[in-house]
Each structure stands twice: as structure tokens, then as C-alpha cells.
């Protein structure tokens, strides 16, 4: 198990978080750039020292305010950073085996095949594209005898199909070894595809932890709702309703959610459907629908599917407490 309870003072903010990640569990930290995600990984890896707290892995204290200090090279943590940090004068093969007896050759062979690196083994790392370098860095990290895996925005430069393949590979590796894994990203879809549990972080604080579905459907506060894609907030007596563009259906279906009446402001194609801006009172509600939008100025009803409700303080409340104005 990976367990941390840390406080780190940076020049621009203080990062203070506490969470555990069980053996074989996949935990993701999602939040905007500058929220403190990378700092947390660096504390676990031993590259940044917290001001207070503790970091433990597999029953061993890696760092603590009471004096535990395990150097980064003894922590057995596989870290894949945003910068692949390959040795440019070495070939891909030499980079993969750089850790010497800590590298498992059979694992290297499997990873080379899964990440489509076979044709690149004798290529100098300086000649790789950004996406190729990231795949090599991932293979190098996963080939070691690690006890935890840390992934910092690992998919930059990879196309959609390769992202899916890499996600499946990492899940298979960490599950098979029973190692805790932490991924950080500012892309919600990446964290949802990877995580058993998702933590939303902003300003150095964890705002909510839950399954990816729980966090999106029941955001704990308005700020979490904003971060996970709720673009519209409709004022009610006693608070407001959060409306996600993909949680709206055309027409009035009271049993499915809250019926909103408004006027079409604009419509445009979006994927296989359409995106419509609907003026509802003082709010502009954006909806993704599967049919052509009515012309601007047309009255229209839509149903927000089981929308979360937030009180005046921005905290999630029972939607029964709110009344549409």
C-alpha cells in the first residue's frame, strides 16, 4: 500500500493532501495545471521533501517528519515524468537496460512488443519523436522491479488508439504485480479510463475522492462540478442546479430529471449530434442533443437528467430543497 499525508510549501501555493492507494489499485489525480499534482508524485518519488507529514510504501516509511529519509534511488518507485528524460547518446535498447540488474529481460520483451518499439531498439534516443520517447520512458519504468508506479501526464504525444493500448498495458502490469499506481492528468477522460478511484485537486487541496462515476454524477461542490465538465448553473430558490451538456435530453420528461424551459440562442454541429445554447432565465444552458436544433428564438424544453444541486455555499445538497424560479 502507498500511504501519504503531506504538506509541501511551494512559492505559489501550499499542497496539503492525504490519501492511500492499495496494492494493485489505480488512483488518479485530476485537476488544472498548477494544482499541485506533479508535486505530490515528486514527494512519493523522493525528488521533493515535504515540510511535514509522512510517505509510506509497502509497510516501509520512505519519509516522515520524525526522521525517516529513504533516498529516491532506494525507493523502488517507477516514475514516468512529462519529460521522458532518456539518455540521448544511448540507443533505445541501452536506455531500456540502463538500470542493469533491476531490469527484467522478459518484461522488457513483453513491453517492447506491447508498445511497438521493436523497430526502434537500435535507434539513438535523440532521434525519437516525442510520442516514441514517451513510450520508451514508460517501458523503461515498467521493466524495473518497482513497488509503485507514478505516471505524470504520460499520454502527451500519443494518438487516441495508442493511448487506449497504453492504458490497458499499465492496468495489466500494475494489477499483475499488485503495485499501487498513481496517474496525474488535467484530462478527465484519461483519468476515468485509468482509475479505480479519482481524486479532484485544485489549489493544492483534494476536493473530492470517489469512483470516476461518482465524482462526475455527484460532484461534492460547485468547483468540482466546473472541473468535471458542468458548464451551466441554473439559479433556483435556495441554490442552483448544475447542468452537464451530455446529461440533457430534448423535451419534457419530468420523471427523468428537471424540466427546463427556455429560448434557443444558437445551435451547431458537435460530433454525431448538435450542441445547443438555450437561454433559461439568466443562465445559458449548453446541451448536446441528437437532433437538429430549432432556429434561434424558438421556445424549447429540455430535461436535465438527475442534476446535482448546490446550496448558497456551493456545497452539494438534496435537490428537493431547491425550487426553480
C-alpha atoms as a PDB file:
ATOM      1  CA  UNK A   1       0.000   0.000   0.000  1.00  0.00           C
ATOM      2  CA  UNK A   2       1.054   3.570  -0.687  1.00  0.00           C
ATOM      3  CA  UNK A   3       0.067   5.961   2.094  1.00  0.00           C
ATOM      4  CA  UNK A   4       0.808   9.648   2.258  1.00  0.00           C
ATOM      5  CA  UNK A   5      -0.181  12.584   4.391  1.00  0.00           C
ATOM      6  CA  UNK A   6       1.952  15.541   3.349  1.00  0.00           C
ATOM      7  CA  UNK A   7       2.206  19.287   3.347  1.00  0.00           C
ATOM      8  CA  UNK A   8       4.529  20.958   0.863  1.00  0.00           C
ATOM      9  CA  UNK A   9       5.125  24.689   0.639  1.00  0.00           C
ATOM     10  CA  UNK A  10       5.721  25.939  -2.878  1.00  0.00           C
ATOM     11  CA  UNK A  11       6.331  29.515  -3.866  1.00  0.00           C
ATOM     12  CA  UNK A  12       2.831  29.895  -5.298  1.00  0.00           C
ATOM     13  CA  UNK A  13       0.741  27.609  -3.064  1.00  0.00           C
ATOM     14  CA  UNK A  14       0.742  25.049  -0.270  1.00  0.00           C
ATOM     15  CA  UNK A  15      -0.046  21.464  -1.222  1.00  0.00           C
ATOM     16  CA  UNK A  16      -1.682  19.537   1.638  1.00  0.00           C
ATOM     17  CA  UNK A  17      -3.189  16.131   0.837  1.00  0.00           C
ATOM     18  CA  UNK A  18      -3.718  12.729   2.424  1.00  0.00           C
ATOM     19  CA  UNK A  19      -4.772   9.507   0.689  1.00  0.00           C
ATOM     20  CA  UNK A  20      -3.966   5.790   0.441  1.00  0.00           C
ATOM     21  CA  UNK A  21      -3.627   3.578  -2.619  1.00  0.00           C
ATOM     22  CA  UNK A  22      -3.991  -0.148  -2.091  1.00  0.00           C
ATOM     23  CA  UNK A  23      -1.968  -2.960  -3.716  1.00  0.00           C
ATOM     24  CA  UNK A  24      -2.925  -3.197  -7.382  1.00  0.00           C
ATOM     25  CA  UNK A  25      -5.227  -0.188  -7.074  1.00  0.00           C
ATOM     26  CA  UNK A  26      -5.181   2.596  -9.647  1.00  0.00           C
ATOM     27  CA  UNK A  27      -5.658   6.097  -8.263  1.00  0.00           C
ATOM     28  CA  UNK A  28      -5.800   9.221 -10.424  1.00  0.00           C
ATOM     29  CA  UNK A  29      -5.384  12.867  -9.508  1.00  0.00           C
ATOM     30  CA  UNK A  30      -7.335  15.166 -11.807  1.00  0.00           C
ATOM     31  CA  UNK A  31      -7.160  18.935 -11.765  1.00  0.00           C
ATOM     32  CA  UNK A  32      -5.988  22.025 -13.614  1.00  0.00           C
ATOM     33  CA  UNK A  33      -2.372  22.886 -14.319  1.00  0.00           C
ATOM     34  CA  UNK A  34      -0.636  24.245 -11.249  1.00  0.00           C
ATOM     35  CA  UNK A  35      -2.920  22.444  -8.783  1.00  0.00           C
ATOM     36  CA  UNK A  36      -0.046  20.504  -7.165  1.00  0.00           C
ATOM     37  CA  UNK A  37      -0.373  17.139  -8.925  1.00  0.00           C
ATOM     38  CA  UNK A  38       3.248  16.773 -10.012  1.00  0.00           C
ATOM     39  CA  UNK A  39       4.497  17.953  -6.607  1.00  0.00           C
ATOM     40  CA  UNK A  40       2.662  15.036  -4.970  1.00  0.00           C
ATOM     41  CA  UNK A  41       4.304  12.494  -7.269  1.00  0.00           C
ATOM     42  CA  UNK A  42       7.713  14.043  -6.669  1.00  0.00           C
ATOM     43  CA  UNK A  43       7.235  13.705  -2.906  1.00  0.00           C
ATOM     44  CA  UNK A  44       6.480   9.997  -3.278  1.00  0.00           C
ATOM     45  CA  UNK A  45       9.457   9.507  -5.595  1.00  0.00           C
ATOM     46  CA  UNK A  46      11.808  11.355  -3.243  1.00  0.00           C
ATOM     47  CA  UNK A  47      12.560  14.308  -5.519  1.00  0.00           C
ATOM     48  CA  UNK A  48      10.802  16.866  -3.294  1.00  0.00           C
ATOM     49  CA  UNK A  49      10.836  16.883   0.508  1.00  0.00           C
ATOM     50  CA  UNK A  50       7.576  17.752   2.282  1.00  0.00           C
ATOM     51  CA  UNK A  51       7.506  20.295   5.080  1.00  0.00           C
ATOM     52  CA  UNK A  52       5.684  17.839   7.302  1.00  0.00           C
ATOM     53  CA  UNK A  53       3.849  14.518   7.217  1.00  0.00           C
ATOM     54  CA  UNK A  54       4.756  11.035   6.035  1.00  0.00           C
ATOM     55  CA  UNK A  55       5.106   8.857   2.950  1.00  0.00           C
ATOM     56  CA  UNK A  56       4.917   5.088   3.295  1.00  0.00           C
ATOM     57  CA  UNK A  57       5.113   2.268   0.762  1.00  0.00           C
ATOM     58  CA  UNK A  58       4.686  -1.486   1.288  1.00  0.00           C
ATOM     59  CA  UNK A  59       4.937  -1.123   5.058  1.00  0.00           C
ATOM     60  CA  UNK A  60       8.118   0.981   4.925  1.00  0.00           C
ATOM     61  CA  UNK A  61       8.382   4.638   5.885  1.00  0.00           C
ATOM     62  CA  UNK A  62      10.027   6.461   2.990  1.00  0.00           C
ATOM     63  CA  UNK A  63       9.853   9.879   4.610  1.00  0.00           C
ATOM     64  CA  UNK A  64       8.416  11.297   7.822  1.00  0.00           C
ATOM     65  CA  UNK A  65       8.587  14.386   9.982  1.00  0.00           C
ATOM     66  CA  UNK A  66      10.017  12.117  12.699  1.00  0.00           C
ATOM     67  CA  UNK A  67      13.159  11.437  10.709  1.00  0.00           C
ATOM     68  CA  UNK A  68      12.689   8.659   8.113  1.00  0.00           C
ATOM     69  CA  UNK A  69      14.673   9.561   4.983  1.00  0.00           C
ATOM     70  CA  UNK A  70      14.935   6.931   2.238  1.00  0.00           C
ATOM     71  CA  UNK A  71      16.788   8.329  -0.826  1.00  0.00           C
ATOM     72  CA  UNK A  72      14.989   8.231  -4.149  1.00  0.00           C
ATOM     73  CA  UNK A  73      17.251   5.552  -5.644  1.00  0.00           C
ATOM     74  CA  UNK A  74      16.282   3.093  -2.887  1.00  0.00           C
ATOM     75  CA  UNK A  75      12.507   3.604  -3.028  1.00  0.00           C
ATOM     76  CA  UNK A  76      11.728   1.196  -5.900  1.00  0.00           C
ATOM     77  CA  UNK A  77       9.271   3.665  -7.403  1.00  0.00           C
ATOM     78  CA  UNK A  78       8.742   3.715 -11.184  1.00  0.00           C
ATOM     79  CA  UNK A  79       8.229   7.339 -12.196  1.00  0.00           C
ATOM     80  CA  UNK A  80       7.249   8.400 -15.715  1.00  0.00           C
ATOM     81  CA  UNK A  81       7.565  12.171 -15.916  1.00  0.00           C
ATOM     82  CA  UNK A  82       6.323  14.653 -18.511  1.00  0.00           C
ATOM     83  CA  UNK A  83       9.903  14.883 -19.748  1.00  0.00           C
ATOM     84  CA  UNK A  84      10.904  11.346 -20.847  1.00  0.00           C
ATOM     85  CA  UNK A  85      14.486  12.081 -19.646  1.00  0.00           C
ATOM     86  CA  UNK A  86      16.113   9.500 -21.921  1.00  0.00           C
ATOM     87  CA  UNK A  87      19.875   9.434 -22.380  1.00  0.00           C
ATOM     88  CA  UNK A  88      20.199  10.976 -25.860  1.00  0.00           C
ATOM     89  CA  UNK A  89      23.579   9.354 -26.636  1.00  0.00           C
ATOM     90  CA  UNK A  90      22.244   5.855 -25.920  1.00  0.00           C
ATOM     91  CA  UNK A  91      20.079   3.682 -28.120  1.00  0.00           C
ATOM     92  CA  UNK A  92      16.556   2.703 -27.143  1.00  0.00           C
ATOM     93  CA  UNK A  93      17.824  -0.752 -26.141  1.00  0.00           C
ATOM     94  CA  UNK A  94      20.544   0.748 -23.934  1.00  0.00           C
ATOM     95  CA  UNK A  95      18.043   3.078 -22.281  1.00  0.00           C
ATOM     96  CA  UNK A  96      15.742   0.169 -21.525  1.00  0.00           C
ATOM     97  CA  UNK A  97      18.520  -1.814 -19.835  1.00  0.00           C
ATOM     98  CA  UNK A  98      20.222   1.141 -18.149  1.00  0.00           C
ATOM     99  CA  UNK A  99      19.091   0.057 -14.671  1.00  0.00           C
ATOM    100  CA  UNK A 100      21.141  -3.139 -15.017  1.00  0.00           C
ATOM    101  CA  UNK A 101      20.178  -5.974 -12.682  1.00  0.00           C
ATOM    102  CA  UNK A 102      16.974  -4.138 -11.673  1.00  0.00           C
ATOM    103  CA  UNK A 103      15.611  -4.762 -15.172  1.00  0.00           C
ATOM    104  CA  UNK A 104      13.750  -7.961 -16.009  1.00  0.00           C
ATOM    105  CA  UNK A 105      14.593  -9.034 -19.618  1.00  0.00           C
ATOM    106  CA  UNK A 106      11.373 -10.998 -20.092  1.00  0.00           C
ATOM    107  CA  UNK A 107       9.408  -7.948 -19.036  1.00  0.00           C
ATOM    108  CA  UNK A 108      11.366  -5.784 -21.487  1.00  0.00           C
ATOM    109  CA  UNK A 109      10.493  -8.146 -24.337  1.00  0.00           C
ATOM    110  CA  UNK A 110       6.814  -8.014 -23.441  1.00  0.00           C
ATOM    111  CA  UNK A 111       6.779  -4.232 -23.145  1.00  0.00           C
ATOM    112  CA  UNK A 112       8.703  -3.730 -26.400  1.00  0.00           C
ATOM    113  CA  UNK A 113       6.055  -5.768 -28.196  1.00  0.00           C
ATOM    114  CA  UNK A 114       3.090  -4.110 -26.485  1.00  0.00           C
ATOM    115  CA  UNK A 115       4.415  -0.578 -27.075  1.00  0.00           C
ATOM    116  CA  UNK A 116       5.532  -1.265 -30.669  1.00  0.00           C
ATOM    117  CA  UNK A 117       9.169  -0.450 -30.008  1.00  0.00           C
ATOM    118  CA  UNK A 118      10.780  -3.379 -31.853  1.00  0.00           C
ATOM    119  CA  UNK A 119      11.911  -1.323 -34.846  1.00  0.00           C
ATOM    120  CA  UNK A 120      13.384   1.366 -32.623  1.00  0.00           C
ATOM    121  CA  UNK A 121      15.684  -0.690 -30.390  1.00  0.00           C
ATOM    122  CA  UNK A 122      18.885   0.328 -32.182  1.00  0.00           C
ATOM    123  CA  UNK A 123      17.836   3.927 -32.847  1.00  0.00           C
ATOM    124  CA  UNK A 124      19.566   6.690 -30.872  1.00  0.00           C
ATOM    125  CA  UNK A 125      17.138   8.202 -28.389  1.00  0.00           C
ATOM    126  CA  UNK A 126      17.923  11.716 -29.665  1.00  0.00           C
ATOM    127  CA  UNK A 127      16.265  10.770 -32.973  1.00  0.00           C
ATOM    128  CA  UNK A 128      12.922   9.714 -31.469  1.00  0.00           C
ATOM    129  CA  UNK A 129       9.712  11.694 -31.800  1.00  0.00           C
ATOM    130  CA  UNK A 130       8.038  12.935 -28.625  1.00  0.00           C
ATOM    131  CA  UNK A 131       5.498  10.111 -28.642  1.00  0.00           C
ATOM    132  CA  UNK A 132       8.170   7.471 -29.256  1.00  0.00           C
ATOM    133  CA  UNK A 133      10.318   8.839 -26.435  1.00  0.00           C
ATOM    134  CA  UNK A 134       7.365   8.659 -24.049  1.00  0.00           C
ATOM    135  CA  UNK A 135       6.741   5.026 -24.925  1.00  0.00           C
ATOM    136  CA  UNK A 136      10.397   4.198 -24.282  1.00  0.00           C
ATOM    137  CA  UNK A 137      10.295   6.025 -20.948  1.00  0.00           C
ATOM    138  CA  UNK A 138       7.181   4.081 -19.948  1.00  0.00           C
ATOM    139  CA  UNK A 139       8.741   0.750 -20.937  1.00  0.00           C
ATOM    140  CA  UNK A 140      11.951   1.605 -19.036  1.00  0.00           C
ATOM    141  CA  UNK A 141       9.984   2.395 -15.888  1.00  0.00           C
ATOM    142  CA  UNK A 142       7.732  -0.669 -16.042  1.00  0.00           C
ATOM    143  CA  UNK A 143      10.660  -3.022 -16.701  1.00  0.00           C
ATOM    144  CA  UNK A 144      12.177  -2.420 -13.260  1.00  0.00           C
ATOM    145  CA  UNK A 145      11.368  -4.218 -10.012  1.00  0.00           C
ATOM    146  CA  UNK A 146       9.119  -1.434  -8.748  1.00  0.00           C
ATOM    147  CA  UNK A 147       6.777  -1.354  -5.764  1.00  0.00           C
ATOM    148  CA  UNK A 148       4.694   1.587  -7.019  1.00  0.00           C
ATOM    149  CA  UNK A 149       4.079   3.278 -10.370  1.00  0.00           C
ATOM    150  CA  UNK A 150       3.742   7.051 -10.763  1.00  0.00           C
ATOM    151  CA  UNK A 151       2.575   8.499 -14.081  1.00  0.00           C
ATOM    152  CA  UNK A 152       2.766  12.240 -14.766  1.00  0.00           C
ATOM    153  CA  UNK A 153       0.727  13.168 -17.873  1.00  0.00           C
ATOM    154  CA  UNK A 154       2.030  10.030 -19.635  1.00  0.00           C
ATOM    155  CA  UNK A 155      -0.040  10.248 -22.824  1.00  0.00           C
ATOM    156  CA  UNK A 156       1.162  13.509 -24.333  1.00  0.00           C
ATOM    157  CA  UNK A 157       2.099  12.958 -27.975  1.00  0.00           C
ATOM    158  CA  UNK A 158       0.194   9.659 -28.296  1.00  0.00           C
ATOM    159  CA  UNK A 159      -2.766   9.227 -30.625  1.00  0.00           C
ATOM    160  CA  UNK A 160      -6.120   8.009 -29.310  1.00  0.00           C
ATOM    161  CA  UNK A 161      -5.672   4.329 -30.202  1.00  0.00           C
ATOM    162  CA  UNK A 162      -2.209   4.199 -28.657  1.00  0.00           C
ATOM    163  CA  UNK A 163      -3.484   5.921 -25.510  1.00  0.00           C
ATOM    164  CA  UNK A 164      -6.041   3.156 -25.091  1.00  0.00           C
ATOM    165  CA  UNK A 165      -3.390   0.493 -25.645  1.00  0.00           C
ATOM    166  CA  UNK A 166      -1.007   2.115 -23.158  1.00  0.00           C
ATOM    167  CA  UNK A 167      -3.781   2.435 -20.564  1.00  0.00           C
ATOM    168  CA  UNK A 168      -4.651  -1.251 -20.919  1.00  0.00           C
ATOM    169  CA  UNK A 169      -0.983  -2.191 -20.658  1.00  0.00           C
ATOM    170  CA  UNK A 170      -0.384  -0.196 -17.476  1.00  0.00           C
ATOM    171  CA  UNK A 171      -3.542  -1.586 -15.895  1.00  0.00           C
ATOM    172  CA  UNK A 172      -2.428  -5.128 -16.715  1.00  0.00           C
ATOM    173  CA  UNK A 173       1.091  -4.532 -15.358  1.00  0.00           C
ATOM    174  CA  UNK A 174       0.187  -2.932 -12.036  1.00  0.00           C
ATOM    175  CA  UNK A 175      -2.687  -5.334 -11.415  1.00  0.00           C
ATOM    176  CA  UNK A 176      -0.474  -8.332 -12.157  1.00  0.00           C
ATOM    177  CA  UNK A 177       2.261  -7.138  -9.801  1.00  0.00           C
ATOM    178  CA  UNK A 178      -0.122  -5.910  -7.124  1.00  0.00           C
ATOM    179  CA  UNK A 179       1.538  -2.494  -7.129  1.00  0.00           C
ATOM    180  CA  UNK A 180      -0.266   0.747  -6.294  1.00  0.00           C
ATOM    181  CA  UNK A 181      -0.342   3.183  -9.212  1.00  0.00           C
ATOM    182  CA  UNK A 182      -0.998   6.925  -9.318  1.00  0.00           C
ATOM    183  CA  UNK A 183      -1.655   8.851 -12.510  1.00  0.00           C
ATOM    184  CA  UNK A 184      -1.996  12.629 -12.700  1.00  0.00           C
ATOM    185  CA  UNK A 185      -3.610  14.482 -15.578  1.00  0.00           C
ATOM    186  CA  UNK A 186      -5.633  17.568 -16.437  1.00  0.00           C
ATOM    187  CA  UNK A 187      -7.627  15.462 -18.940  1.00  0.00           C
ATOM    188  CA  UNK A 188     -10.697  13.930 -17.306  1.00  0.00           C
ATOM    189  CA  UNK A 189     -11.153  11.186 -19.925  1.00  0.00           C
ATOM    190  CA  UNK A 190      -7.613   9.907 -19.290  1.00  0.00           C
ATOM    191  CA  UNK A 191      -8.157   9.613 -15.563  1.00  0.00           C
ATOM    192  CA  UNK A 192     -11.570   7.982 -15.983  1.00  0.00           C
ATOM    193  CA  UNK A 193     -10.145   5.334 -18.313  1.00  0.00           C
ATOM    194  CA  UNK A 194      -7.365   4.515 -15.859  1.00  0.00           C
ATOM    195  CA  UNK A 195      -8.639   4.888 -12.317  1.00  0.00           C
ATOM    196  CA  UNK A 196     -10.441   2.745  -9.776  1.00  0.00           C
ATOM    197  CA  UNK A 197     -10.693   5.928  -7.698  1.00  0.00           C
ATOM    198  CA  UNK A 198     -10.410   9.530  -8.751  1.00  0.00           C
ATOM    199  CA  UNK A 199      -9.261  12.473  -6.651  1.00  0.00           C
ATOM    200  CA  UNK A 200     -10.091  16.001  -7.792  1.00  0.00           C
ATOM    201  CA  UNK A 201      -7.434  18.515  -6.739  1.00  0.00           C
ATOM    202  CA  UNK A 202      -7.404  22.284  -7.000  1.00  0.00           C
ATOM    203  CA  UNK A 203      -5.214  24.848  -5.294  1.00  0.00           C
ATOM    204  CA  UNK A 204      -3.225  22.150  -3.542  1.00  0.00           C
ATOM    205  CA  UNK A 205      -6.265  20.573  -1.850  1.00  0.00           C
ATOM    206  CA  UNK A 206      -8.220  17.389  -2.532  1.00  0.00           C
ATOM    207  CA  UNK A 207     -11.812  18.483  -3.083  1.00  0.00           C
ATOM    208  CA  UNK A 208     -13.337  15.028  -3.590  1.00  0.00           C
ATOM    209  CA  UNK A 209     -12.330  11.374  -3.842  1.00  0.00           C
ATOM    210  CA  UNK A 210     -14.597   8.682  -5.266  1.00  0.00           C
ATOM    211  CA  UNK A 211     -15.133   6.417  -8.227  1.00  0.00           C
ATOM    212  CA  UNK A 212     -14.901   8.235 -11.573  1.00  0.00           C
ATOM    213  CA  UNK A 213     -18.658   7.867 -12.000  1.00  0.00           C
ATOM    214  CA  UNK A 214     -19.466   9.174  -8.515  1.00  0.00           C
ATOM    215  CA  UNK A 215     -17.290  12.240  -8.961  1.00  0.00           C
ATOM    216  CA  UNK A 216     -18.913  13.193 -12.267  1.00  0.00           C
ATOM    217  CA  UNK A 217     -22.526  12.451 -11.360  1.00  0.00           C
ATOM    218  CA  UNK A 218     -22.359  13.707  -7.772  1.00  0.00           C
ATOM    219  CA  UNK A 219     -19.705  16.421  -7.552  1.00  0.00           C
ATOM    220  CA  UNK A 220     -19.211  17.411  -3.926  1.00  0.00           C
ATOM    221  CA  UNK A 221     -19.189  21.135  -4.654  1.00  0.00           C
ATOM    222  CA  UNK A 222     -19.645  23.601  -7.463  1.00  0.00           C
ATOM    223  CA  UNK A 223     -15.880  23.831  -8.113  1.00  0.00           C
ATOM    224  CA  UNK A 224     -15.655  20.075  -8.670  1.00  0.00           C
ATOM    225  CA  UNK A 225     -18.656  20.316 -10.985  1.00  0.00           C
ATOM    226  CA  UNK A 226     -16.925  23.011 -13.027  1.00  0.00           C
ATOM    227  CA  UNK A 227     -13.750  20.944 -13.293  1.00  0.00           C
ATOM    228  CA  UNK A 228     -15.530  17.760 -14.448  1.00  0.00           C
ATOM    229  CA  UNK A 229     -17.487  19.478 -17.202  1.00  0.00           C
ATOM    230  CA  UNK A 230     -20.632  21.129 -15.843  1.00  0.00           C
ATOM    231  CA  UNK A 231     -20.855  24.282 -17.947  1.00  0.00           C
ATOM    232  CA  UNK A 232     -24.239  25.651 -16.866  1.00  0.00           C
ATOM    233  CA  UNK A 233     -25.711  26.545 -13.484  1.00  0.00           C
ATOM    234  CA  UNK A 234     -29.387  27.441 -13.236  1.00  0.00           C
ATOM    235  CA  UNK A 235     -30.402  29.666 -10.316  1.00  0.00           C
ATOM    236  CA  UNK A 236     -33.101  28.292  -8.017  1.00  0.00           C
ATOM    237  CA  UNK A 237     -34.656  29.375  -4.759  1.00  0.00           C
ATOM    238  CA  UNK A 238     -32.093  28.147  -2.228  1.00  0.00           C
ATOM    239  CA  UNK A 239     -29.183  27.490  -4.596  1.00  0.00           C
ATOM    240  CA  UNK A 240     -28.558  26.318  -8.146  1.00  0.00           C
ATOM    241  CA  UNK A 241     -28.651  23.243 -10.361  1.00  0.00           C
ATOM    242  CA  UNK A 242     -25.588  22.046 -12.281  1.00  0.00           C
ATOM    243  CA  UNK A 243     -26.274  21.040 -15.881  1.00  0.00           C
ATOM    244  CA  UNK A 244     -23.779  18.925 -17.811  1.00  0.00           C
ATOM    245  CA  UNK A 245     -24.049  19.221 -21.627  1.00  0.00           C
ATOM    246  CA  UNK A 246     -24.109  15.432 -22.004  1.00  0.00           C
ATOM    247  CA  UNK A 247     -26.744  14.932 -19.296  1.00  0.00           C
ATOM    248  CA  UNK A 248     -29.596  16.646 -21.143  1.00  0.00           C
ATOM    249  CA  UNK A 249     -32.348  15.255 -23.355  1.00  0.00           C
ATOM    250  CA  UNK A 250     -34.745  17.096 -25.644  1.00  0.00           C
ATOM    251  CA  UNK A 251     -38.335  17.506 -24.472  1.00  0.00           C
ATOM    252  CA  UNK A 252     -40.057  17.422 -21.095  1.00  0.00           C
ATOM    253  CA  UNK A 253     -39.602  14.135 -19.208  1.00  0.00           C
ATOM    254  CA  UNK A 254     -40.300  15.009 -15.545  1.00  0.00           C
ATOM    255  CA  UNK A 255     -39.613  11.507 -14.273  1.00  0.00           C
ATOM    256  CA  UNK A 256     -36.052  11.604 -15.633  1.00  0.00           C
ATOM    257  CA  UNK A 257     -34.915  14.868 -14.102  1.00  0.00           C
ATOM    258  CA  UNK A 258     -35.656  18.585 -14.054  1.00  0.00           C
ATOM    259  CA  UNK A 259     -37.515  20.180 -16.968  1.00  0.00           C
ATOM    260  CA  UNK A 260     -36.002  23.453 -18.149  1.00  0.00           C
ATOM    261  CA  UNK A 261     -37.870  25.877 -20.409  1.00  0.00           C
ATOM    262  CA  UNK A 262     -36.011  28.453 -22.438  1.00  0.00           C
ATOM    263  CA  UNK A 263     -35.279  30.054 -25.779  1.00  0.00           C
ATOM    264  CA  UNK A 264     -32.759  28.804 -28.342  1.00  0.00           C
ATOM    265  CA  UNK A 265     -29.839  31.188 -28.734  1.00  0.00           C
ATOM    266  CA  UNK A 266     -27.689  29.176 -31.154  1.00  0.00           C
ATOM    267  CA  UNK A 267     -27.004  25.685 -32.447  1.00  0.00           C
ATOM    268  CA  UNK A 268     -24.044  23.999 -34.130  1.00  0.00           C
ATOM    269  CA  UNK A 269     -22.871  20.512 -35.138  1.00  0.00           C
ATOM    270  CA  UNK A 270     -20.997  18.598 -32.433  1.00  0.00           C
ATOM    271  CA  UNK A 271     -19.688  15.125 -33.274  1.00  0.00           C
ATOM    272  CA  UNK A 272     -22.602  12.997 -34.480  1.00  0.00           C
ATOM    273  CA  UNK A 273     -25.137  15.337 -32.875  1.00  0.00           C
ATOM    274  CA  UNK A 274     -25.640  19.007 -32.176  1.00  0.00           C
ATOM    275  CA  UNK A 275     -24.784  21.480 -29.455  1.00  0.00           C
ATOM    276  CA  UNK A 276     -27.471  23.981 -28.494  1.00  0.00           C
ATOM    277  CA  UNK A 277     -27.275  27.083 -26.311  1.00  0.00           C
ATOM    278  CA  UNK A 278     -30.555  27.609 -24.500  1.00  0.00           C
ATOM    279  CA  UNK A 279     -31.372  30.742 -22.501  1.00  0.00           C
ATOM    280  CA  UNK A 280     -33.026  29.666 -19.251  1.00  0.00           C
ATOM    281  CA  UNK A 281     -33.711  32.684 -17.067  1.00  0.00           C
ATOM    282  CA  UNK A 282     -30.372  34.398 -16.518  1.00  0.00           C
ATOM    283  CA  UNK A 283     -28.371  31.260 -17.419  1.00  0.00           C
ATOM    284  CA  UNK A 284     -27.191  29.917 -20.756  1.00  0.00           C
ATOM    285  CA  UNK A 285     -27.594  26.138 -20.731  1.00  0.00           C
ATOM    286  CA  UNK A 286     -25.466  24.226 -23.238  1.00  0.00           C
ATOM    287  CA  UNK A 287     -26.949  20.906 -24.364  1.00  0.00           C
ATOM    288  CA  UNK A 288     -25.660  18.173 -26.655  1.00  0.00           C
ATOM    289  CA  UNK A 289     -28.633  16.686 -28.483  1.00  0.00           C
ATOM    290  CA  UNK A 290     -29.090  14.049 -31.172  1.00  0.00           C
ATOM    291  CA  UNK A 291     -31.392  16.095 -33.369  1.00  0.00           C
ATOM    292  CA  UNK A 292     -31.236  19.307 -35.371  1.00  0.00           C
ATOM    293  CA  UNK A 293     -31.629  22.372 -33.155  1.00  0.00           C
ATOM    294  CA  UNK A 294     -34.624  24.628 -33.627  1.00  0.00           C
ATOM    295  CA  UNK A 295     -33.918  28.088 -35.109  1.00  0.00           C
ATOM    296  CA  UNK A 296     -32.683  30.835 -32.808  1.00  0.00           C
ATOM    297  CA  UNK A 297     -35.539  32.485 -30.926  1.00  0.00           C
ATOM    298  CA  UNK A 298     -37.616  29.286 -30.730  1.00  0.00           C
ATOM    299  CA  UNK A 299     -39.036  28.241 -27.345  1.00  0.00           C
ATOM    300  CA  UNK A 300     -37.725  24.852 -26.271  1.00  0.00           C
ATOM    301  CA  UNK A 301     -37.945  22.448 -23.344  1.00  0.00           C
ATOM    302  CA  UNK A 302     -35.205  20.078 -22.281  1.00  0.00           C
ATOM    303  CA  UNK A 303     -34.750  17.726 -19.337  1.00  0.00           C
ATOM    304  CA  UNK A 304     -31.599  17.870 -17.229  1.00  0.00           C
ATOM    305  CA  UNK A 305     -31.011  14.281 -16.139  1.00  0.00           C
ATOM    306  CA  UNK A 306     -30.787  13.999 -12.359  1.00  0.00           C
ATOM    307  CA  UNK A 307     -28.752  17.208 -11.995  1.00  0.00           C
ATOM    308  CA  UNK A 308     -26.703  17.869  -8.841  1.00  0.00           C
ATOM    309  CA  UNK A 309     -27.866  20.752  -6.642  1.00  0.00           C
ATOM    310  CA  UNK A 310     -25.651  23.178  -4.756  1.00  0.00           C
ATOM    311  CA  UNK A 311     -26.566  25.423  -1.852  1.00  0.00           C
ATOM    312  CA  UNK A 312     -25.548  29.086  -1.485  1.00  0.00           C
ATOM    313  CA  UNK A 313     -22.149  27.972  -0.161  1.00  0.00           C
ATOM    314  CA  UNK A 314     -21.515  25.875  -3.284  1.00  0.00           C
ATOM    315  CA  UNK A 315     -21.762  22.527  -1.452  1.00  0.00           C
ATOM    316  CA  UNK A 316     -23.824  19.612  -2.772  1.00  0.00           C
ATOM    317  CA  UNK A 317     -27.337  19.484  -1.289  1.00  0.00           C
ATOM    318  CA  UNK A 318     -30.536  17.478  -1.736  1.00  0.00           C
ATOM    319  CA  UNK A 319     -32.113  18.776  -4.972  1.00  0.00           C
ATOM    320  CA  UNK A 320     -35.526  18.558  -3.269  1.00  0.00           C
ATOM    321  CA  UNK A 321     -34.533  21.645  -1.276  1.00  0.00           C
ATOM    322  CA  UNK A 322     -34.363  23.768  -4.435  1.00  0.00           C
ATOM    323  CA  UNK A 323     -37.246  25.272  -6.430  1.00  0.00           C
ATOM    324  CA  UNK A 324     -36.871  26.590  -9.966  1.00  0.00           C
ATOM    325  CA  UNK A 325     -37.654  30.289 -10.195  1.00  0.00           C
END
